[in-house]
PDB file of N, CA and C in Angstrom:
ATOM      1  N   VAL A   1       5.466 -59.804  60.097  1.00  0.00           N
ATOM      2  CA  VAL A   1       5.657 -58.664  59.305  1.00  0.00           C
ATOM      3  C   VAL A   1       4.324 -58.191  58.867  1.00  0.00           C
ATOM      4  N   GLN A   2       3.737 -57.096  59.077  1.00  0.00           N
ATOM      5  CA  GLN A   2       2.472 -56.661  58.654  1.00  0.00           C
ATOM      6  C   GLN A   2       2.838 -55.441  57.761  1.00  0.00           C
ATOM      7  N   LEU A   3       1.910 -55.423  56.612  1.00  0.00           N
ATOM      8  CA  LEU A   3       1.890 -54.376  55.742  1.00  0.00           C
ATOM      9  C   LEU A   3       0.527 -53.608  55.614  1.00  0.00           C
ATOM     10  N   GLN A   4       0.354 -52.426  55.885  1.00  0.00           N
ATOM     11  CA  GLN A   4      -1.052 -51.950  55.885  1.00  0.00           C
ATOM     12  C   GLN A   4      -1.129 -50.858  54.612  1.00  0.00           C
ATOM     13  N   ALA A   5      -1.944 -51.255  53.760  1.00  0.00           N
ATOM     14  CA  ALA A   5      -2.102 -50.327  52.564  1.00  0.00           C
ATOM     15  C   ALA A   5      -3.270 -49.359  52.767  1.00  0.00           C
ATOM     16  N   SER A   6      -3.148 -48.125  52.219  1.00  0.00           N
ATOM     17  CA  SER A   6      -4.142 -47.163  52.209  1.00  0.00           C
ATOM     18  C   SER A   6      -4.207 -46.192  51.378  1.00  0.00           C
ATOM     19  N   GLY A   7      -5.141 -45.297  51.270  1.00  0.00           N
ATOM     20  CA  GLY A   7      -5.156 -44.243  50.180  1.00  0.00           C
ATOM     21  C   GLY A   7      -6.064 -44.443  49.034  1.00  0.00           C
ATOM     22  N   GLY A   8      -6.702 -45.575  48.932  1.00  0.00           N
ATOM     23  CA  GLY A   8      -7.516 -45.775  47.856  1.00  0.00           C
ATOM     24  C   GLY A   8      -8.610 -44.932  47.727  1.00  0.00           C
ATOM     25  N   GLY A   9      -9.247 -44.793  46.558  1.00  0.00           N
ATOM     26  CA  GLY A   9     -10.515 -44.112  46.392  1.00  0.00           C
ATOM     27  C   GLY A   9     -11.054 -44.123  45.186  1.00  0.00           C
ATOM     28  N   SER A  10     -12.064 -43.148  44.831  1.00  0.00           N
ATOM     29  CA  SER A  10     -12.632 -43.012  43.547  1.00  0.00           C
ATOM     30  C   SER A  10     -12.278 -41.770  43.029  1.00  0.00           C
ATOM     31  N   VAL A  11     -11.805 -41.776  41.810  1.00  0.00           N
ATOM     32  CA  VAL A  11     -11.189 -40.436  41.039  1.00  0.00           C
ATOM     33  C   VAL A  11     -11.761 -40.473  39.605  1.00  0.00           C
ATOM     34  N   GLN A  12     -11.661 -39.362  39.084  1.00  0.00           N
ATOM     35  CA  GLN A  12     -11.970 -39.177  37.672  1.00  0.00           C
ATOM     36  C   GLN A  12     -10.848 -39.358  36.666  1.00  0.00           C
ATOM     37  N   PRO A  13     -10.943 -39.804  35.594  1.00  0.00           N
ATOM     38  CA  PRO A  13      -9.781 -39.868  34.678  1.00  0.00           C
ATOM     39  C   PRO A  13      -9.040 -38.567  34.637  1.00  0.00           C
ATOM     40  N   GLY A  14      -7.673 -38.679  34.687  1.00  0.00           N
ATOM     41  CA  GLY A  14      -6.651 -37.598  34.711  1.00  0.00           C
ATOM     42  C   GLY A  14      -6.323 -36.985  35.925  1.00  0.00           C
ATOM     43  N   GLU A  15      -7.094 -37.564  36.932  1.00  0.00           N
ATOM     44  CA  GLU A  15      -6.903 -37.095  38.414  1.00  0.00           C
ATOM     45  C   GLU A  15      -5.685 -37.884  38.981  1.00  0.00           C
ATOM     46  N   SER A  16      -5.220 -37.509  40.239  1.00  0.00           N
ATOM     47  CA  SER A  16      -4.226 -38.111  40.984  1.00  0.00           C
ATOM     48  C   SER A  16      -4.540 -38.797  42.354  1.00  0.00           C
ATOM     49  N   LEU A  17      -3.901 -39.815  42.765  1.00  0.00           N
ATOM     50  CA  LEU A  17      -4.096 -40.319  44.105  1.00  0.00           C
ATOM     51  C   LEU A  17      -2.734 -40.900  44.469  1.00  0.00           C
ATOM     52  N   LYS A  18      -2.645 -40.749  45.828  1.00  0.00           N
ATOM     53  CA  LYS A  18      -1.363 -41.127  46.545  1.00  0.00           C
ATOM     54  C   LYS A  18      -1.693 -42.403  47.530  1.00  0.00           C
ATOM     55  N   LEU A  19      -1.064 -43.450  47.127  1.00  0.00           N
ATOM     56  CA  LEU A  19      -1.298 -44.652  48.131  1.00  0.00           C
ATOM     57  C   LEU A  19      -0.123 -44.546  49.165  1.00  0.00           C
ATOM     58  N   SER A  20      -0.387 -45.316  50.274  1.00  0.00           N
ATOM     59  CA  SER A  20       0.661 -45.440  51.244  1.00  0.00           C
ATOM     60  C   SER A  20       0.629 -47.051  51.763  1.00  0.00           C
ATOM     61  N   CYS A  21       1.907 -47.376  51.969  1.00  0.00           N
ATOM     62  CA  CYS A  21       1.971 -48.820  52.597  1.00  0.00           C
ATOM     63  C   CYS A  21       2.751 -48.449  53.938  1.00  0.00           C
ATOM     64  N   LYS A  22       2.204 -48.837  55.046  1.00  0.00           N
ATOM     65  CA  LYS A  22       2.875 -48.779  56.392  1.00  0.00           C
ATOM     66  C   LYS A  22       3.407 -50.142  56.831  1.00  0.00           C
ATOM     67  N   ALA A  23       4.685 -50.320  57.101  1.00  0.00           N
ATOM     68  CA  ALA A  23       5.290 -51.592  57.583  1.00  0.00           C
ATOM     69  C   ALA A  23       5.423 -51.652  58.912  1.00  0.00           C
ATOM     70  N   SER A  24       4.806 -52.699  59.716  1.00  0.00           N
ATOM     71  CA  SER A  24       4.973 -52.695  61.056  1.00  0.00           C
ATOM     72  C   SER A  24       6.223 -53.899  61.271  1.00  0.00           C
ATOM     73  N   LEU A  25       7.464 -53.420  60.943  1.00  0.00           N
ATOM     74  CA  LEU A  25       8.656 -54.214  61.349  1.00  0.00           C
ATOM     75  C   LEU A  25       9.900 -53.478  61.388  1.00  0.00           C
ATOM     76  N   GLN A  26      10.748 -54.106  62.223  1.00  0.00           N
ATOM     77  CA  GLN A  26      12.007 -53.476  62.357  1.00  0.00           C
ATOM     78  C   GLN A  26      12.904 -53.696  61.135  1.00  0.00           C
ATOM     79  N   SER A  27      13.913 -52.856  60.969  1.00  0.00           N
ATOM     80  CA  SER A  27      14.812 -53.011  59.937  1.00  0.00           C
ATOM     81  C   SER A  27      14.097 -52.847  58.620  1.00  0.00           C
ATOM     82  N   PHE A  28      13.135 -52.021  58.510  1.00  0.00           N
ATOM     83  CA  PHE A  28      12.287 -51.931  57.313  1.00  0.00           C
ATOM     84  C   PHE A  28      13.318 -51.501  55.996  1.00  0.00           C
ATOM     85  N   SER A  29      14.562 -50.867  56.422  1.00  0.00           N
ATOM     86  CA  SER A  29      15.408 -50.397  55.384  1.00  0.00           C
ATOM     87  C   SER A  29      16.114 -51.692  54.776  1.00  0.00           C
ATOM     88  N   ASN A  30      15.904 -52.927  55.431  1.00  0.00           N
ATOM     89  CA  ASN A  30      16.475 -54.240  54.749  1.00  0.00           C
ATOM     90  C   ASN A  30      15.412 -54.745  53.760  1.00  0.00           C
ATOM     91  N   PHE A  31      14.459 -54.041  53.475  1.00  0.00           N
ATOM     92  CA  PHE A  31      13.444 -54.651  52.535  1.00  0.00           C
ATOM     93  C   PHE A  31      13.192 -53.933  51.190  1.00  0.00           C
ATOM     94  N   ALA A  32      13.075 -54.600  50.203  1.00  0.00           N
ATOM     95  CA  ALA A  32      12.489 -54.120  48.943  1.00  0.00           C
ATOM     96  C   ALA A  32      10.995 -54.048  49.004  1.00  0.00           C
ATOM     97  N   VAL A  33      10.406 -53.118  48.479  1.00  0.00           N
ATOM     98  CA  VAL A  33       8.839 -53.045  48.576  1.00  0.00           C
ATOM     99  C   VAL A  33       8.268 -52.786  47.024  1.00  0.00           C
ATOM    100  N   ALA A  34       7.272 -53.445  46.932  1.00  0.00           N
ATOM    101  CA  ALA A  34       6.520 -53.325  45.596  1.00  0.00           C
ATOM    102  C   ALA A  34       5.062 -53.129  45.650  1.00  0.00           C
ATOM    103  N   TRP A  35       4.419 -52.693  44.595  1.00  0.00           N
ATOM    104  CA  TRP A  35       2.881 -52.473  44.638  1.00  0.00           C
ATOM    105  C   TRP A  35       2.529 -53.372  43.423  1.00  0.00           C
ATOM    106  N   PHE A  36       1.442 -54.119  43.577  1.00  0.00           N
ATOM    107  CA  PHE A  36       0.877 -54.990  42.605  1.00  0.00           C
ATOM    108  C   PHE A  36      -0.527 -54.420  42.585  1.00  0.00           C
ATOM    109  N   ARG A  37      -1.261 -54.972  41.590  1.00  0.00           N
ATOM    110  CA  ARG A  37      -2.795 -54.663  41.288  1.00  0.00           C
ATOM    111  C   ARG A  37      -3.412 -55.771  40.733  1.00  0.00           C
ATOM    112  N   GLN A  38      -4.805 -55.777  41.140  1.00  0.00           N
ATOM    113  CA  GLN A  38      -5.554 -56.855  40.556  1.00  0.00           C
ATOM    114  C   GLN A  38      -6.846 -56.173  40.137  1.00  0.00           C
ATOM    115  N   ALA A  39      -7.298 -56.235  38.852  1.00  0.00           N
ATOM    116  CA  ALA A  39      -8.491 -55.697  38.163  1.00  0.00           C
ATOM    117  C   ALA A  39      -9.539 -56.868  38.365  1.00  0.00           C
ATOM    118  N   PRO A  40     -10.716 -56.486  38.225  1.00  0.00           N
ATOM    119  CA  PRO A  40     -11.732 -57.559  38.279  1.00  0.00           C
ATOM    120  C   PRO A  40     -11.691 -58.429  37.206  1.00  0.00           C
ATOM    121  N   GLY A  41     -11.603 -59.685  37.443  1.00  0.00           N
ATOM    122  CA  GLY A  41     -11.587 -60.700  36.354  1.00  0.00           C
ATOM    123  C   GLY A  41     -10.173 -60.948  35.701  1.00  0.00           C
ATOM    124  N   LYS A  42      -9.243 -60.316  36.454  1.00  0.00           N
ATOM    125  CA  LYS A  42      -7.922 -60.387  35.934  1.00  0.00           C
ATOM    126  C   LYS A  42      -6.856 -60.929  36.872  1.00  0.00           C
ATOM    127  N   GLU A  43      -5.735 -61.436  36.513  1.00  0.00           N
ATOM    128  CA  GLU A  43      -4.796 -61.890  37.430  1.00  0.00           C
ATOM    129  C   GLU A  43      -3.942 -60.682  38.016  1.00  0.00           C
ATOM    130  N   ARG A  44      -3.390 -60.863  39.040  1.00  0.00           N
ATOM    131  CA  ARG A  44      -2.648 -59.767  39.801  1.00  0.00           C
ATOM    132  C   ARG A  44      -1.292 -59.468  39.013  1.00  0.00           C
ATOM    133  N   GLU A  45      -0.922 -58.112  38.665  1.00  0.00           N
ATOM    134  CA  GLU A  45       0.150 -57.755  37.956  1.00  0.00           C
ATOM    135  C   GLU A  45       0.999 -57.021  38.865  1.00  0.00           C
ATOM    136  N   PHE A  46       2.302 -56.920  38.479  1.00  0.00           N
ATOM    137  CA  PHE A  46       3.431 -56.050  39.028  1.00  0.00           C
ATOM    138  C   PHE A  46       3.109 -54.500  38.622  1.00  0.00           C
ATOM    139  N   VAL A  47       3.180 -53.620  39.536  1.00  0.00           N
ATOM    140  CA  VAL A  47       2.982 -52.273  39.162  1.00  0.00           C
ATOM    141  C   VAL A  47       4.489 -51.558  39.407  1.00  0.00           C
ATOM    142  N   ALA A  48       4.947 -51.421  40.357  1.00  0.00           N
ATOM    143  CA  ALA A  48       6.357 -50.664  40.745  1.00  0.00           C
ATOM    144  C   ALA A  48       6.854 -51.254  41.843  1.00  0.00           C
ATOM    145  N   SER A  49       8.207 -51.075  41.985  1.00  0.00           N
ATOM    146  CA  SER A  49       9.072 -51.541  43.158  1.00  0.00           C
ATOM    147  C   SER A  49      10.116 -50.477  43.431  1.00  0.00           C
ATOM    148  N   ILE A  50      10.591 -50.513  44.652  1.00  0.00           N
ATOM    149  CA  ILE A  50      11.598 -49.727  44.995  1.00  0.00           C
ATOM    150  C   ILE A  50      12.618 -50.455  45.955  1.00  0.00           C
ATOM    151  N   SER A  51      13.932 -50.226  45.692  1.00  0.00           N
ATOM    152  CA  SER A  51      14.892 -50.933  46.519  1.00  0.00           C
ATOM    153  C   SER A  51      14.900 -50.456  47.938  1.00  0.00           C
ATOM    154  N   TRP A  52      15.773 -51.132  48.626  1.00  0.00           N
ATOM    155  CA  TRP A  52      15.753 -50.978  50.047  1.00  0.00           C
ATOM    156  C   TRP A  52      16.007 -49.447  50.579  1.00  0.00           C
ATOM    157  N   GLY A  53      17.015 -48.867  49.751  1.00  0.00           N
ATOM    158  CA  GLY A  53      17.507 -47.472  50.126  1.00  0.00           C
ATOM    159  C   GLY A  53      16.801 -46.459  49.130  1.00  0.00           C
ATOM    160  N   GLY A  54      15.917 -46.886  48.251  1.00  0.00           N
ATOM    161  CA  GLY A  54      15.244 -45.901  47.507  1.00  0.00           C
ATOM    162  C   GLY A  54      16.003 -45.445  46.271  1.00  0.00           C
ATOM    163  N   GLY A  55      17.086 -46.022  46.001  1.00  0.00           N
ATOM    164  CA  GLY A  55      18.060 -45.631  45.064  1.00  0.00           C
ATOM    165  C   GLY A  55      17.607 -46.152  43.583  1.00  0.00           C
ATOM    166  N   SER A  56      16.811 -47.215  43.559  1.00  0.00           N
ATOM    167  CA  SER A  56      16.404 -47.965  42.453  1.00  0.00           C
ATOM    168  C   SER A  56      15.064 -47.993  42.484  1.00  0.00           C
ATOM    169  N   THR A  57      14.202 -47.876  41.301  1.00  0.00           N
ATOM    170  CA  THR A  57      12.996 -47.951  41.147  1.00  0.00           C
ATOM    171  C   THR A  57      12.640 -48.792  39.813  1.00  0.00           C
ATOM    172  N   TYR A  58      11.497 -49.411  39.764  1.00  0.00           N
ATOM    173  CA  TYR A  58      11.123 -50.242  38.486  1.00  0.00           C
ATOM    174  C   TYR A  58       9.778 -50.103  38.204  1.00  0.00           C
ATOM    175  N   TYR A  59       9.289 -49.858  37.139  1.00  0.00           N
ATOM    176  CA  TYR A  59       7.919 -49.784  36.729  1.00  0.00           C
ATOM    177  C   TYR A  59       7.430 -50.637  35.632  1.00  0.00           C
ATOM    178  N   ARG A  60       6.075 -51.061  35.706  1.00  0.00           N
ATOM    179  CA  ARG A  60       5.529 -51.705  34.454  1.00  0.00           C
ATOM    180  C   ARG A  60       5.286 -50.599  33.370  1.00  0.00           C
ATOM    181  N   ASP A  61       5.414 -50.967  32.185  1.00  0.00           N
ATOM    182  CA  ASP A  61       5.556 -50.010  30.947  1.00  0.00           C
ATOM    183  C   ASP A  61       4.309 -49.150  31.110  1.00  0.00           C
ATOM    184  N   SER A  62       3.067 -49.607  31.554  1.00  0.00           N
ATOM    185  CA  SER A  62       2.007 -48.931  31.288  1.00  0.00           C
ATOM    186  C   SER A  62       1.760 -47.652  32.432  1.00  0.00           C
ATOM    187  N   VAL A  63       2.618 -47.778  33.480  1.00  0.00           N
ATOM    188  CA  VAL A  63       2.588 -46.720  34.372  1.00  0.00           C
ATOM    189  C   VAL A  63       3.794 -45.733  34.430  1.00  0.00           C
ATOM    190  N   LYS A  64       4.671 -46.169  33.565  1.00  0.00           N
ATOM    191  CA  LYS A  64       5.910 -45.243  33.473  1.00  0.00           C
ATOM    192  C   LYS A  64       5.604 -43.805  33.101  1.00  0.00           C
ATOM    193  N   GLY A  65       6.226 -42.791  33.870  1.00  0.00           N
ATOM    194  CA  GLY A  65       5.896 -41.393  33.438  1.00  0.00           C
ATOM    195  C   GLY A  65       4.586 -40.939  34.148  1.00  0.00           C
ATOM    196  N   ARG A  66       3.777 -41.816  34.789  1.00  0.00           N
ATOM    197  CA  ARG A  66       2.550 -41.456  35.532  1.00  0.00           C
ATOM    198  C   ARG A  66       2.655 -41.693  37.001  1.00  0.00           C
ATOM    199  N   PHE A  67       3.327 -42.821  37.318  1.00  0.00           N
ATOM    200  CA  PHE A  67       3.542 -43.326  38.721  1.00  0.00           C
ATOM    201  C   PHE A  67       4.781 -43.070  39.137  1.00  0.00           C
ATOM    202  N   THR A  68       4.906 -42.446  40.509  1.00  0.00           N
ATOM    203  CA  THR A  68       6.343 -42.360  41.017  1.00  0.00           C
ATOM    204  C   THR A  68       6.220 -42.959  42.407  1.00  0.00           C
ATOM    205  N   ILE A  69       7.240 -43.774  42.604  1.00  0.00           N
ATOM    206  CA  ILE A  69       7.127 -44.562  43.996  1.00  0.00           C
ATOM    207  C   ILE A  69       8.427 -44.043  44.796  1.00  0.00           C
ATOM    208  N   SER A  70       8.091 -43.960  46.025  1.00  0.00           N
ATOM    209  CA  SER A  70       9.123 -43.327  46.809  1.00  0.00           C
ATOM    210  C   SER A  70       9.071 -43.931  48.335  1.00  0.00           C
ATOM    211  N   ARG A  71       9.993 -43.917  49.156  1.00  0.00           N
ATOM    212  CA  ARG A  71       9.928 -44.376  50.477  1.00  0.00           C
ATOM    213  C   ARG A  71      10.428 -43.500  51.542  1.00  0.00           C
ATOM    214  N   ASP A  72      10.004 -43.803  52.873  1.00  0.00           N
ATOM    215  CA  ASP A  72      10.598 -42.977  53.910  1.00  0.00           C
ATOM    216  C   ASP A  72      10.776 -44.149  55.023  1.00  0.00           C
ATOM    217  N   ASN A  73      12.185 -44.395  55.157  1.00  0.00           N
ATOM    218  CA  ASN A  73      12.557 -45.525  55.922  1.00  0.00           C
ATOM    219  C   ASN A  73      12.372 -45.175  57.478  1.00  0.00           C
ATOM    220  N   ALA A  74      12.513 -43.934  57.622  1.00  0.00           N
ATOM    221  CA  ALA A  74      12.237 -43.504  59.110  1.00  0.00           C
ATOM    222  C   ALA A  74      10.832 -43.518  59.598  1.00  0.00           C
ATOM    223  N   LYS A  75       9.820 -43.589  58.669  1.00  0.00           N
ATOM    224  CA  LYS A  75       8.448 -43.774  58.912  1.00  0.00           C
ATOM    225  C   LYS A  75       7.848 -45.181  58.477  1.00  0.00           C
ATOM    226  N   ASN A  76       8.940 -45.880  57.927  1.00  0.00           N
ATOM    227  CA  ASN A  76       8.510 -47.326  57.407  1.00  0.00           C
ATOM    228  C   ASN A  76       7.329 -47.244  56.463  1.00  0.00           C
ATOM    229  N   THR A  77       7.266 -46.418  55.411  1.00  0.00           N
ATOM    230  CA  THR A  77       6.275 -46.205  54.498  1.00  0.00           C
ATOM    231  C   THR A  77       6.911 -46.184  53.059  1.00  0.00           C
ATOM    232  N   VAL A  78       6.116 -46.714  52.353  1.00  0.00           N
ATOM    233  CA  VAL A  78       6.391 -46.546  50.840  1.00  0.00           C
ATOM    234  C   VAL A  78       5.143 -46.092  50.144  1.00  0.00           C
ATOM    235  N   SER A  79       5.362 -45.091  49.291  1.00  0.00           N
ATOM    236  CA  SER A  79       4.175 -44.349  48.760  1.00  0.00           C
ATOM    237  C   SER A  79       4.237 -44.252  47.195  1.00  0.00           C
ATOM    238  N   PRO A  80       3.378 -44.589  46.505  1.00  0.00           N
ATOM    239  CA  PRO A  80       3.320 -44.453  45.102  1.00  0.00           C
ATOM    240  C   PRO A  80       2.433 -43.209  44.805  1.00  0.00           C
ATOM    241  N   GLU A  81       2.879 -42.231  44.085  1.00  0.00           N
ATOM    242  CA  GLU A  81       2.044 -41.022  43.675  1.00  0.00           C
ATOM    243  C   GLU A  81       1.707 -41.554  42.058  1.00  0.00           C
ATOM    244  N   MET A  82       0.283 -41.618  42.040  1.00  0.00           N
ATOM    245  CA  MET A  82      -0.295 -41.849  40.834  1.00  0.00           C
ATOM    246  C   MET A  82      -0.882 -40.721  40.181  1.00  0.00           C
ATOM    247  N   ASP A  83      -0.474 -40.309  39.019  1.00  0.00           N
ATOM    248  CA  ASP A  83      -1.005 -39.130  38.234  1.00  0.00           C
ATOM    249  C   ASP A  83      -1.491 -39.523  37.033  1.00  0.00           C
ATOM    250  N   SER A  84      -2.331 -38.686  36.228  1.00  0.00           N
ATOM    251  CA  SER A  84      -2.920 -39.017  35.096  1.00  0.00           C
ATOM    252  C   SER A  84      -3.553 -40.406  35.060  1.00  0.00           C
ATOM    253  N   LEU A  85      -4.284 -40.603  35.996  1.00  0.00           N
ATOM    254  CA  LEU A  85      -4.926 -41.951  36.085  1.00  0.00           C
ATOM    255  C   LEU A  85      -6.003 -42.212  34.885  1.00  0.00           C
ATOM    256  N   LYS A  86      -5.911 -43.476  34.562  1.00  0.00           N
ATOM    257  CA  LYS A  86      -6.824 -43.929  33.472  1.00  0.00           C
ATOM    258  C   LYS A  86      -7.807 -44.955  34.104  1.00  0.00           C
ATOM    259  N   SER A  87      -8.800 -45.121  33.269  1.00  0.00           N
ATOM    260  CA  SER A  87      -9.912 -46.199  33.766  1.00  0.00           C
ATOM    261  C   SER A  87      -9.316 -47.669  33.941  1.00  0.00           C
ATOM    262  N   GLU A  88      -8.187 -47.845  33.118  1.00  0.00           N
ATOM    263  CA  GLU A  88      -7.658 -49.088  33.208  1.00  0.00           C
ATOM    264  C   GLU A  88      -6.744 -49.323  34.392  1.00  0.00           C
ATOM    265  N   ASP A  89      -6.598 -48.196  35.133  1.00  0.00           N
ATOM    266  CA  ASP A  89      -5.745 -48.422  36.608  1.00  0.00           C
ATOM    267  C   ASP A  89      -6.784 -48.760  37.619  1.00  0.00           C
ATOM    268  N   THR A  90      -7.966 -48.975  37.313  1.00  0.00           N
ATOM    269  CA  THR A  90      -8.942 -49.274  38.228  1.00  0.00           C
ATOM    270  C   THR A  90      -8.665 -50.742  38.873  1.00  0.00           C
ATOM    271  N   ALA A  91      -8.371 -50.917  39.943  1.00  0.00           N
ATOM    272  CA  ALA A  91      -8.028 -52.277  40.607  1.00  0.00           C
ATOM    273  C   ALA A  91      -7.896 -52.211  41.995  1.00  0.00           C
ATOM    274  N   VAL A  92      -7.613 -53.318  42.770  1.00  0.00           N
ATOM    275  CA  VAL A  92      -7.306 -53.427  44.132  1.00  0.00           C
ATOM    276  C   VAL A  92      -5.753 -53.408  44.086  1.00  0.00           C
ATOM    277  N   TYR A  93      -5.063 -52.457  44.800  1.00  0.00           N
ATOM    278  CA  TYR A  93      -3.789 -52.436  44.833  1.00  0.00           C
ATOM    279  C   TYR A  93      -3.289 -52.840  46.217  1.00  0.00           C
ATOM    280  N   PHE A  94      -2.209 -53.706  46.093  1.00  0.00           N
ATOM    281  CA  PHE A  94      -1.474 -54.536  47.213  1.00  0.00           C
ATOM    282  C   PHE A  94      -0.087 -53.921  47.263  1.00  0.00           C
ATOM    283  N   CYS A  95       0.461 -53.974  48.489  1.00  0.00           N
ATOM    284  CA  CYS A  95       1.742 -53.631  48.689  1.00  0.00           C
ATOM    285  C   CYS A  95       2.592 -54.985  49.273  1.00  0.00           C
ATOM    286  N   ALA A  96       3.639 -55.347  48.863  1.00  0.00           N
ATOM    287  CA  ALA A  96       4.446 -56.481  49.175  1.00  0.00           C
ATOM    288  C   ALA A  96       5.890 -56.018  49.456  1.00  0.00           C
ATOM    289  N   ALA A  97       6.565 -56.890  50.216  1.00  0.00           N
ATOM    290  CA  ALA A  97       7.931 -56.699  50.521  1.00  0.00           C
ATOM    291  C   ALA A  97       8.920 -57.878  50.583  1.00  0.00           C
ATOM    292  N   VAL A  98      10.023 -57.902  50.372  1.00  0.00           N
ATOM    293  CA  VAL A  98      11.030 -58.980  50.498  1.00  0.00           C
ATOM    294  C   VAL A  98      12.292 -58.526  51.046  1.00  0.00           C
ATOM    295  N   PRO A  99      13.014 -59.185  51.959  1.00  0.00           N
ATOM    296  CA  PRO A  99      14.222 -58.915  52.541  1.00  0.00           C
ATOM    297  C   PRO A  99      15.170 -58.717  51.336  1.00  0.00           C
ATOM    298  N   SER A 100      15.891 -57.599  51.086  1.00  0.00           N
ATOM    299  CA  SER A 100      16.822 -57.458  50.040  1.00  0.00           C
ATOM    300  C   SER A 100      17.707 -56.323  50.259  1.00  0.00           C
ATOM    301  N   LYS A 101      18.884 -56.437  50.199  1.00  0.00           N
ATOM    302  CA  LYS A 101      19.840 -55.382  50.272  1.00  0.00           C
ATOM    303  C   LYS A 101      20.611 -55.127  48.983  1.00  0.00           C
ATOM    304  N   SER A 102      19.985 -55.590  47.805  1.00  0.00           N
ATOM    305  CA  SER A 102      20.247 -55.407  46.444  1.00  0.00           C
ATOM    306  C   SER A 102      20.058 -54.073  46.034  1.00  0.00           C
ATOM    307  N   PRO A 103      21.028 -53.529  45.318  1.00  0.00           N
ATOM    308  CA  PRO A 103      20.917 -52.000  44.890  1.00  0.00           C
ATOM    309  C   PRO A 103      19.834 -51.918  43.821  1.00  0.00           C
ATOM    310  N   VAL A 104      19.393 -52.949  43.319  1.00  0.00           N
ATOM    311  CA  VAL A 104      18.334 -52.932  42.142  1.00  0.00           C
ATOM    312  C   VAL A 104      17.042 -53.280  42.593  1.00  0.00           C
ATOM    313  N   ALA A 105      16.049 -52.587  42.191  1.00  0.00           N
ATOM    314  CA  ALA A 105      14.629 -52.810  42.744  1.00  0.00           C
ATOM    315  C   ALA A 105      14.176 -53.943  42.039  1.00  0.00           C
ATOM    316  N   PRO A 106      13.721 -55.191  42.730  1.00  0.00           N
ATOM    317  CA  PRO A 106      13.249 -56.359  42.149  1.00  0.00           C
ATOM    318  C   PRO A 106      11.775 -56.214  41.568  1.00  0.00           C
ATOM    319  N   SER A 107      11.371 -57.133  40.750  1.00  0.00           N
ATOM    320  CA  SER A 107      10.007 -57.219  40.294  1.00  0.00           C
ATOM    321  C   SER A 107       9.241 -58.506  40.640  1.00  0.00           C
ATOM    322  N   SER A 108       9.955 -59.471  41.238  1.00  0.00           N
ATOM    323  CA  SER A 108       9.277 -60.721  41.684  1.00  0.00           C
ATOM    324  C   SER A 108      10.026 -61.109  43.035  1.00  0.00           C
ATOM    325  N   GLY A 109       9.489 -62.199  43.372  1.00  0.00           N
ATOM    326  CA  GLY A 109      10.077 -62.734  44.756  1.00  0.00           C
ATOM    327  C   GLY A 109       9.564 -62.322  46.099  1.00  0.00           C
ATOM    328  N   PHE A 110       8.379 -61.333  45.989  1.00  0.00           N
ATOM    329  CA  PHE A 110       7.951 -60.969  47.172  1.00  0.00           C
ATOM    330  C   PHE A 110       7.002 -61.773  47.880  1.00  0.00           C
ATOM    331  N   TYR A 111       7.220 -61.983  49.104  1.00  0.00           N
ATOM    332  CA  TYR A 111       6.464 -62.943  49.933  1.00  0.00           C
ATOM    333  C   TYR A 111       5.748 -62.386  51.280  1.00  0.00           C
ATOM    334  N   TYR A 112       5.957 -61.154  51.580  1.00  0.00           N
ATOM    335  CA  TYR A 112       5.107 -60.572  52.549  1.00  0.00           C
ATOM    336  C   TYR A 112       4.080 -59.614  51.907  1.00  0.00           C
ATOM    337  N   TRP A 113       2.899 -59.785  52.216  1.00  0.00           N
ATOM    338  CA  TRP A 113       1.743 -59.198  51.476  1.00  0.00           C
ATOM    339  C   TRP A 113       0.822 -58.474  52.424  1.00  0.00           C
ATOM    340  N   GLY A 114       0.434 -57.273  52.062  1.00  0.00           N
ATOM    341  CA  GLY A 114      -0.619 -56.528  52.790  1.00  0.00           C
ATOM    342  C   GLY A 114      -1.937 -56.784  52.174  1.00  0.00           C
ATOM    343  N   GLN A 115      -3.041 -56.271  53.027  1.00  0.00           N
ATOM    344  CA  GLN A 115      -4.424 -56.221  52.309  1.00  0.00           C
ATOM    345  C   GLN A 115      -4.453 -55.340  51.148  1.00  0.00           C
ATOM    346  N   GLY A 116      -5.333 -55.250  50.450  1.00  0.00           N
ATOM    347  CA  GLY A 116      -5.548 -54.360  49.188  1.00  0.00           C
ATOM    348  C   GLY A 116      -6.263 -53.169  49.698  1.00  0.00           C
ATOM    349  N   THR A 117      -6.035 -52.159  48.793  1.00  0.00           N
ATOM    350  CA  THR A 117      -6.882 -50.848  48.868  1.00  0.00           C
ATOM    351  C   THR A 117      -7.375 -50.523  47.360  1.00  0.00           C
ATOM    352  N   LEU A 118      -8.710 -50.251  47.328  1.00  0.00           N
ATOM    353  CA  LEU A 118      -9.357 -50.271  46.040  1.00  0.00           C
ATOM    354  C   LEU A 118      -9.269 -48.681  45.371  1.00  0.00           C
ATOM    355  N   VAL A 119      -8.701 -48.845  44.094  1.00  0.00           N
ATOM    356  CA  VAL A 119      -8.542 -47.570  43.366  1.00  0.00           C
ATOM    357  C   VAL A 119      -9.574 -47.652  42.258  1.00  0.00           C
ATOM    358  N   THR A 120     -10.559 -46.684  42.234  1.00  0.00           N
ATOM    359  CA  THR A 120     -11.580 -46.724  41.042  1.00  0.00           C
ATOM    360  C   THR A 120     -11.470 -45.467  40.243  1.00  0.00           C
ATOM    361  N   VAL A 121     -11.244 -45.669  38.925  1.00  0.00           N
ATOM    362  CA  VAL A 121     -11.042 -44.398  38.113  1.00  0.00           C
ATOM    363  C   VAL A 121     -12.085 -44.570  37.069  1.00  0.00           C
ATOM    364  N   SER A 122     -13.020 -43.527  37.125  1.00  0.00           N
ATOM    365  CA  SER A 122     -14.325 -43.574  36.461  1.00  0.00           C
ATOM    366  C   SER A 122     -14.769 -42.085  36.241  1.00  0.00           C
ATOM    367  N   SER A 123     -15.493 -41.700  35.177  1.00  0.00           N
ATOM    368  CA  SER A 123     -16.146 -40.571  34.919  1.00  0.00           C
ATOM    369  C   SER A 123     -17.564 -40.723  35.267  1.00  0.00           C
TER     370      SER A 123
END
């Protein structure tokens, strides 16, 4: 299983950015997918996840209302739209996946990981 994250960049506070995670695997619709992030000097933290069919999503409190995660199983992609970005959103963002047919988006237990993409929010 390979996960390719892309879409990172440098933006100013209040601007938007859309990341993408492309999975190279068959039966992508059998996997729940999540995004995590790691800021300099800090531990990796959960950001958002989406269930296999996209019917359930879960967000950490600090991004609720600003981030929206969606998926396209036909294209094997999961994309978080990040709006109203803040300096504290600056981090390397990773996508992760786990086989799961649960209707509820999980927040842990992911064991397939992609490389990160850097998001920098600065004025």
